């Protein structure tokens, strides 16, 4: 069990129910979200990836289905910003405490404004990274919103 990731520790401390799902990560695979969906035999639209973007000089977390892309304009608008671009991966790792491909929206080293794509609310539970490659956490979208103080709005595009 992954009782040691900051994400699982934060969820446990907050009393939020969740289920950990592990799978064998292929080091050659860099499409982490799709790999998780396939390995866990899930609907890929129910699996969400955590991305960091620079919005007017501050890091913002965007959580979107692995089947889509982050709409940077929509993300900027959601947080009252003007311009957004993907954050440098090394900066994202330093600021979250996680490695790319294992960045969880939960338990990050630095708390960031978080925006969750509205499609998460179509499901009773969704899957997000548990804090390392090969580990996903299943939880209710409302619980993810609660623990991250997320804004829920459309930020994904095909």
C-alpha atoms as a PDB file:
ATOM      1  CA  UNK A   1       0.000   0.000   0.000  1.00  0.00           C
ATOM      2  CA  UNK A   2       1.102   3.561  -0.611  1.00  0.00           C
ATOM      3  CA  UNK A   3       0.552   4.857   2.885  1.00  0.00           C
ATOM      4  CA  UNK A   4       3.642   6.996   2.487  1.00  0.00           C
ATOM      5  CA  UNK A   5       2.755   9.523  -0.218  1.00  0.00           C
ATOM      6  CA  UNK A   6       1.885  13.055   0.850  1.00  0.00           C
ATOM      7  CA  UNK A   7      -1.421  12.650  -1.031  1.00  0.00           C
ATOM      8  CA  UNK A   8      -2.565   9.619   0.938  1.00  0.00           C
ATOM      9  CA  UNK A   9      -1.350  11.148   4.205  1.00  0.00           C
ATOM     10  CA  UNK A  10      -3.312  14.361   3.505  1.00  0.00           C
ATOM     11  CA  UNK A  11      -6.480  12.447   2.605  1.00  0.00           C
ATOM     12  CA  UNK A  12      -6.224  10.270   5.706  1.00  0.00           C
ATOM     13  CA  UNK A  13      -5.631  13.293   7.942  1.00  0.00           C
ATOM     14  CA  UNK A  14      -8.668  15.049   6.433  1.00  0.00           C
ATOM     15  CA  UNK A  15     -10.852  11.973   6.964  1.00  0.00           C
ATOM     16  CA  UNK A  16     -11.628  11.734   3.249  1.00  0.00           C
ATOM     17  CA  UNK A  17     -12.437   8.255   1.927  1.00  0.00           C
ATOM     18  CA  UNK A  18     -10.292   7.069  -0.974  1.00  0.00           C
ATOM     19  CA  UNK A  19      -9.067   3.890  -2.613  1.00  0.00           C
ATOM     20  CA  UNK A  20      -5.486   3.337  -3.751  1.00  0.00           C
ATOM     21  CA  UNK A  21      -4.913   1.583  -7.075  1.00  0.00           C
ATOM     22  CA  UNK A  22      -1.395   0.450  -7.998  1.00  0.00           C
ATOM     23  CA  UNK A  23      -0.163  -0.772 -11.344  1.00  0.00           C
ATOM     24  CA  UNK A  24       3.160  -1.624 -12.896  1.00  0.00           C
ATOM     25  CA  UNK A  25       4.510   1.554 -14.517  1.00  0.00           C
ATOM     26  CA  UNK A  26       6.462   1.029 -17.730  1.00  0.00           C
ATOM     27  CA  UNK A  27       9.468   3.399 -17.556  1.00  0.00           C
ATOM     28  CA  UNK A  28       9.380   3.739 -21.357  1.00  0.00           C
ATOM     29  CA  UNK A  29       5.809   5.064 -21.261  1.00  0.00           C
ATOM     30  CA  UNK A  30       5.534   8.848 -20.926  1.00  0.00           C
ATOM     31  CA  UNK A  31       1.766   9.003 -21.451  1.00  0.00           C
ATOM     32  CA  UNK A  32       1.135   8.484 -17.754  1.00  0.00           C
ATOM     33  CA  UNK A  33      -2.617   9.063 -17.583  1.00  0.00           C
ATOM     34  CA  UNK A  34      -3.457   6.829 -20.507  1.00  0.00           C
ATOM     35  CA  UNK A  35      -1.164   4.166 -19.070  1.00  0.00           C
ATOM     36  CA  UNK A  36      -3.063   4.329 -15.765  1.00  0.00           C
ATOM     37  CA  UNK A  37      -6.449   4.049 -17.494  1.00  0.00           C
ATOM     38  CA  UNK A  38      -5.324   1.031 -19.520  1.00  0.00           C
ATOM     39  CA  UNK A  39      -3.514  -0.701 -16.650  1.00  0.00           C
ATOM     40  CA  UNK A  40      -6.480  -0.266 -14.301  1.00  0.00           C
ATOM     41  CA  UNK A  41      -9.034  -1.075 -17.037  1.00  0.00           C
ATOM     42  CA  UNK A  42     -10.893   2.216 -16.574  1.00  0.00           C
ATOM     43  CA  UNK A  43     -12.873   4.589 -18.746  1.00  0.00           C
ATOM     44  CA  UNK A  44     -10.115   7.071 -19.692  1.00  0.00           C
ATOM     45  CA  UNK A  45     -12.527   9.989 -19.255  1.00  0.00           C
ATOM     46  CA  UNK A  46     -12.767   9.083 -15.560  1.00  0.00           C
ATOM     47  CA  UNK A  47      -8.970   9.336 -15.125  1.00  0.00           C
ATOM     48  CA  UNK A  48      -7.656  12.867 -14.603  1.00  0.00           C
ATOM     49  CA  UNK A  49      -4.185  14.295 -15.079  1.00  0.00           C
ATOM     50  CA  UNK A  50      -2.665  17.038 -12.967  1.00  0.00           C
ATOM     51  CA  UNK A  51      -0.930  19.798 -14.905  1.00  0.00           C
ATOM     52  CA  UNK A  52       0.753  22.976 -13.737  1.00  0.00           C
ATOM     53  CA  UNK A  53       0.614  26.202 -15.655  1.00  0.00           C
ATOM     54  CA  UNK A  54       2.121  29.628 -15.144  1.00  0.00           C
ATOM     55  CA  UNK A  55      -0.740  32.132 -15.057  1.00  0.00           C
ATOM     56  CA  UNK A  56       0.558  35.688 -15.013  1.00  0.00           C
ATOM     57  CA  UNK A  57       3.613  34.625 -13.001  1.00  0.00           C
ATOM     58  CA  UNK A  58       1.985  32.246 -10.517  1.00  0.00           C
ATOM     59  CA  UNK A  59       1.602  28.483 -10.661  1.00  0.00           C
ATOM     60  CA  UNK A  60      -1.918  27.120 -11.008  1.00  0.00           C
ATOM     61  CA  UNK A  61      -2.970  23.467 -11.003  1.00  0.00           C
ATOM     62  CA  UNK A  62      -5.292  22.302 -13.770  1.00  0.00           C
ATOM     63  CA  UNK A  63      -6.942  18.880 -13.493  1.00  0.00           C
ATOM     64  CA  UNK A  64      -8.400  17.519 -16.740  1.00  0.00           C
ATOM     65  CA  UNK A  65      -9.368  14.113 -18.169  1.00  0.00           C
ATOM     66  CA  UNK A  66      -6.432  12.225 -19.679  1.00  0.00           C
ATOM     67  CA  UNK A  67      -8.402  12.108 -22.941  1.00  0.00           C
ATOM     68  CA  UNK A  68      -8.249  15.883 -23.350  1.00  0.00           C
ATOM     69  CA  UNK A  69      -5.919  18.822 -23.180  1.00  0.00           C
ATOM     70  CA  UNK A  70      -5.758  21.730 -20.780  1.00  0.00           C
ATOM     71  CA  UNK A  71      -7.310  24.852 -22.311  1.00  0.00           C
ATOM     72  CA  UNK A  72      -4.823  27.464 -21.115  1.00  0.00           C
ATOM     73  CA  UNK A  73      -7.097  30.412 -21.929  1.00  0.00           C
ATOM     74  CA  UNK A  74      -9.939  28.867 -19.933  1.00  0.00           C
ATOM     75  CA  UNK A  75      -7.582  28.127 -17.029  1.00  0.00           C
ATOM     76  CA  UNK A  76      -6.336  31.722 -16.965  1.00  0.00           C
ATOM     77  CA  UNK A  77      -9.903  33.050 -17.081  1.00  0.00           C
ATOM     78  CA  UNK A  78     -10.969  30.698 -14.254  1.00  0.00           C
ATOM     79  CA  UNK A  79      -8.451  32.301 -11.893  1.00  0.00           C
ATOM     80  CA  UNK A  80      -8.870  35.874 -13.127  1.00  0.00           C
ATOM     81  CA  UNK A  81      -5.656  35.810 -15.143  1.00  0.00           C
ATOM     82  CA  UNK A  82      -4.818  37.058 -18.594  1.00  0.00           C
ATOM     83  CA  UNK A  83      -2.198  34.660 -19.930  1.00  0.00           C
ATOM     84  CA  UNK A  84      -1.217  31.076 -19.178  1.00  0.00           C
ATOM     85  CA  UNK A  85       1.495  28.740 -20.411  1.00  0.00           C
ATOM     86  CA  UNK A  86       2.572  25.315 -19.274  1.00  0.00           C
ATOM     87  CA  UNK A  87       4.965  25.461 -16.328  1.00  0.00           C
ATOM     88  CA  UNK A  88       8.523  24.237 -16.611  1.00  0.00           C
ATOM     89  CA  UNK A  89       8.489  20.566 -15.534  1.00  0.00           C
ATOM     90  CA  UNK A  90      11.448  21.003 -13.162  1.00  0.00           C
ATOM     91  CA  UNK A  91       9.719  23.936 -11.466  1.00  0.00           C
ATOM     92  CA  UNK A  92       6.518  21.890 -11.199  1.00  0.00           C
ATOM     93  CA  UNK A  93       8.478  19.086  -9.514  1.00  0.00           C
ATOM     94  CA  UNK A  94      10.174  21.465  -7.066  1.00  0.00           C
ATOM     95  CA  UNK A  95       6.984  23.263  -6.110  1.00  0.00           C
ATOM     96  CA  UNK A  96       4.798  20.153  -5.762  1.00  0.00           C
ATOM     97  CA  UNK A  97       7.326  17.709  -4.307  1.00  0.00           C
ATOM     98  CA  UNK A  98       6.303  15.118  -6.896  1.00  0.00           C
ATOM     99  CA  UNK A  99       7.909  13.884 -10.132  1.00  0.00           C
ATOM    100  CA  UNK A 100       6.300  14.495 -13.524  1.00  0.00           C
ATOM    101  CA  UNK A 101       3.972  11.591 -14.228  1.00  0.00           C
ATOM    102  CA  UNK A 102       3.283  11.265 -10.518  1.00  0.00           C
ATOM    103  CA  UNK A 103       2.166  14.778  -9.622  1.00  0.00           C
ATOM    104  CA  UNK A 104      -0.890  14.533  -7.420  1.00  0.00           C
ATOM    105  CA  UNK A 105      -3.211  17.498  -6.940  1.00  0.00           C
ATOM    106  CA  UNK A 106      -3.312  16.516  -3.251  1.00  0.00           C
ATOM    107  CA  UNK A 107      -0.575  17.013  -0.656  1.00  0.00           C
ATOM    108  CA  UNK A 108       1.663  19.290  -2.711  1.00  0.00           C
ATOM    109  CA  UNK A 109       4.627  20.938  -0.986  1.00  0.00           C
ATOM    110  CA  UNK A 110       3.275  24.376  -1.875  1.00  0.00           C
ATOM    111  CA  UNK A 111      -0.478  25.003  -1.974  1.00  0.00           C
ATOM    112  CA  UNK A 112      -1.546  26.237  -5.405  1.00  0.00           C
ATOM    113  CA  UNK A 113      -4.814  27.547  -6.754  1.00  0.00           C
ATOM    114  CA  UNK A 114      -6.484  24.487  -8.282  1.00  0.00           C
ATOM    115  CA  UNK A 115      -9.034  24.229 -11.073  1.00  0.00           C
ATOM    116  CA  UNK A 116     -10.889  20.977 -11.814  1.00  0.00           C
ATOM    117  CA  UNK A 117     -12.585  20.393 -15.151  1.00  0.00           C
ATOM    118  CA  UNK A 118     -16.358  20.219 -14.736  1.00  0.00           C
ATOM    119  CA  UNK A 119     -16.568  16.778 -16.388  1.00  0.00           C
ATOM    120  CA  UNK A 120     -15.333  15.293 -13.100  1.00  0.00           C
ATOM    121  CA  UNK A 121     -18.821  15.858 -11.727  1.00  0.00           C
ATOM    122  CA  UNK A 122     -20.234  13.342 -14.238  1.00  0.00           C
ATOM    123  CA  UNK A 123     -18.771  10.501 -12.144  1.00  0.00           C
ATOM    124  CA  UNK A 124     -19.356   9.188  -8.639  1.00  0.00           C
ATOM    125  CA  UNK A 125     -15.589   8.737  -8.342  1.00  0.00           C
ATOM    126  CA  UNK A 126     -12.591   9.851 -10.385  1.00  0.00           C
ATOM    127  CA  UNK A 127      -8.961   8.808 -10.450  1.00  0.00           C
ATOM    128  CA  UNK A 128      -5.975  11.128  -9.942  1.00  0.00           C
ATOM    129  CA  UNK A 129      -2.300  10.482  -9.362  1.00  0.00           C
ATOM    130  CA  UNK A 130      -1.511   9.232  -5.902  1.00  0.00           C
ATOM    131  CA  UNK A 131       1.886  10.873  -5.781  1.00  0.00           C
ATOM    132  CA  UNK A 132       4.082   8.563  -7.798  1.00  0.00           C
ATOM    133  CA  UNK A 133       4.105   6.831 -11.142  1.00  0.00           C
ATOM    134  CA  UNK A 134       2.105   3.619 -10.998  1.00  0.00           C
ATOM    135  CA  UNK A 135      -0.245   4.805  -8.252  1.00  0.00           C
ATOM    136  CA  UNK A 136      -3.695   6.350  -8.619  1.00  0.00           C
ATOM    137  CA  UNK A 137      -6.215   7.431  -6.005  1.00  0.00           C
ATOM    138  CA  UNK A 138      -9.945   6.986  -6.498  1.00  0.00           C
ATOM    139  CA  UNK A 139     -12.161   9.485  -4.717  1.00  0.00           C
ATOM    140  CA  UNK A 140     -15.382  11.451  -5.093  1.00  0.00           C
ATOM    141  CA  UNK A 141     -15.003  14.664  -7.126  1.00  0.00           C
ATOM    142  CA  UNK A 142     -16.562  16.662  -4.273  1.00  0.00           C
ATOM    143  CA  UNK A 143     -13.879  15.342  -1.911  1.00  0.00           C
ATOM    144  CA  UNK A 144     -11.136  16.347  -4.353  1.00  0.00           C
ATOM    145  CA  UNK A 145     -12.675  19.821  -4.523  1.00  0.00           C
ATOM    146  CA  UNK A 146     -12.824  19.995  -0.740  1.00  0.00           C
ATOM    147  CA  UNK A 147      -9.218  18.962  -0.073  1.00  0.00           C
ATOM    148  CA  UNK A 148      -7.745  21.177  -2.820  1.00  0.00           C
ATOM    149  CA  UNK A 149     -10.198  24.095  -2.575  1.00  0.00           C
ATOM    150  CA  UNK A 150     -10.644  23.648  -6.321  1.00  0.00           C
ATOM    151  CA  UNK A 151     -12.668  25.813  -8.635  1.00  0.00           C
ATOM    152  CA  UNK A 152     -14.868  23.621 -10.874  1.00  0.00           C
ATOM    153  CA  UNK A 153     -15.302  24.956 -14.407  1.00  0.00           C
ATOM    154  CA  UNK A 154     -14.716  23.849 -18.009  1.00  0.00           C
ATOM    155  CA  UNK A 155     -10.953  23.881 -18.649  1.00  0.00           C
ATOM    156  CA  UNK A 156     -10.518  20.846 -20.916  1.00  0.00           C
ATOM    157  CA  UNK A 157     -10.617  20.667 -24.687  1.00  0.00           C
ATOM    158  CA  UNK A 158     -10.266  17.795 -27.142  1.00  0.00           C
END
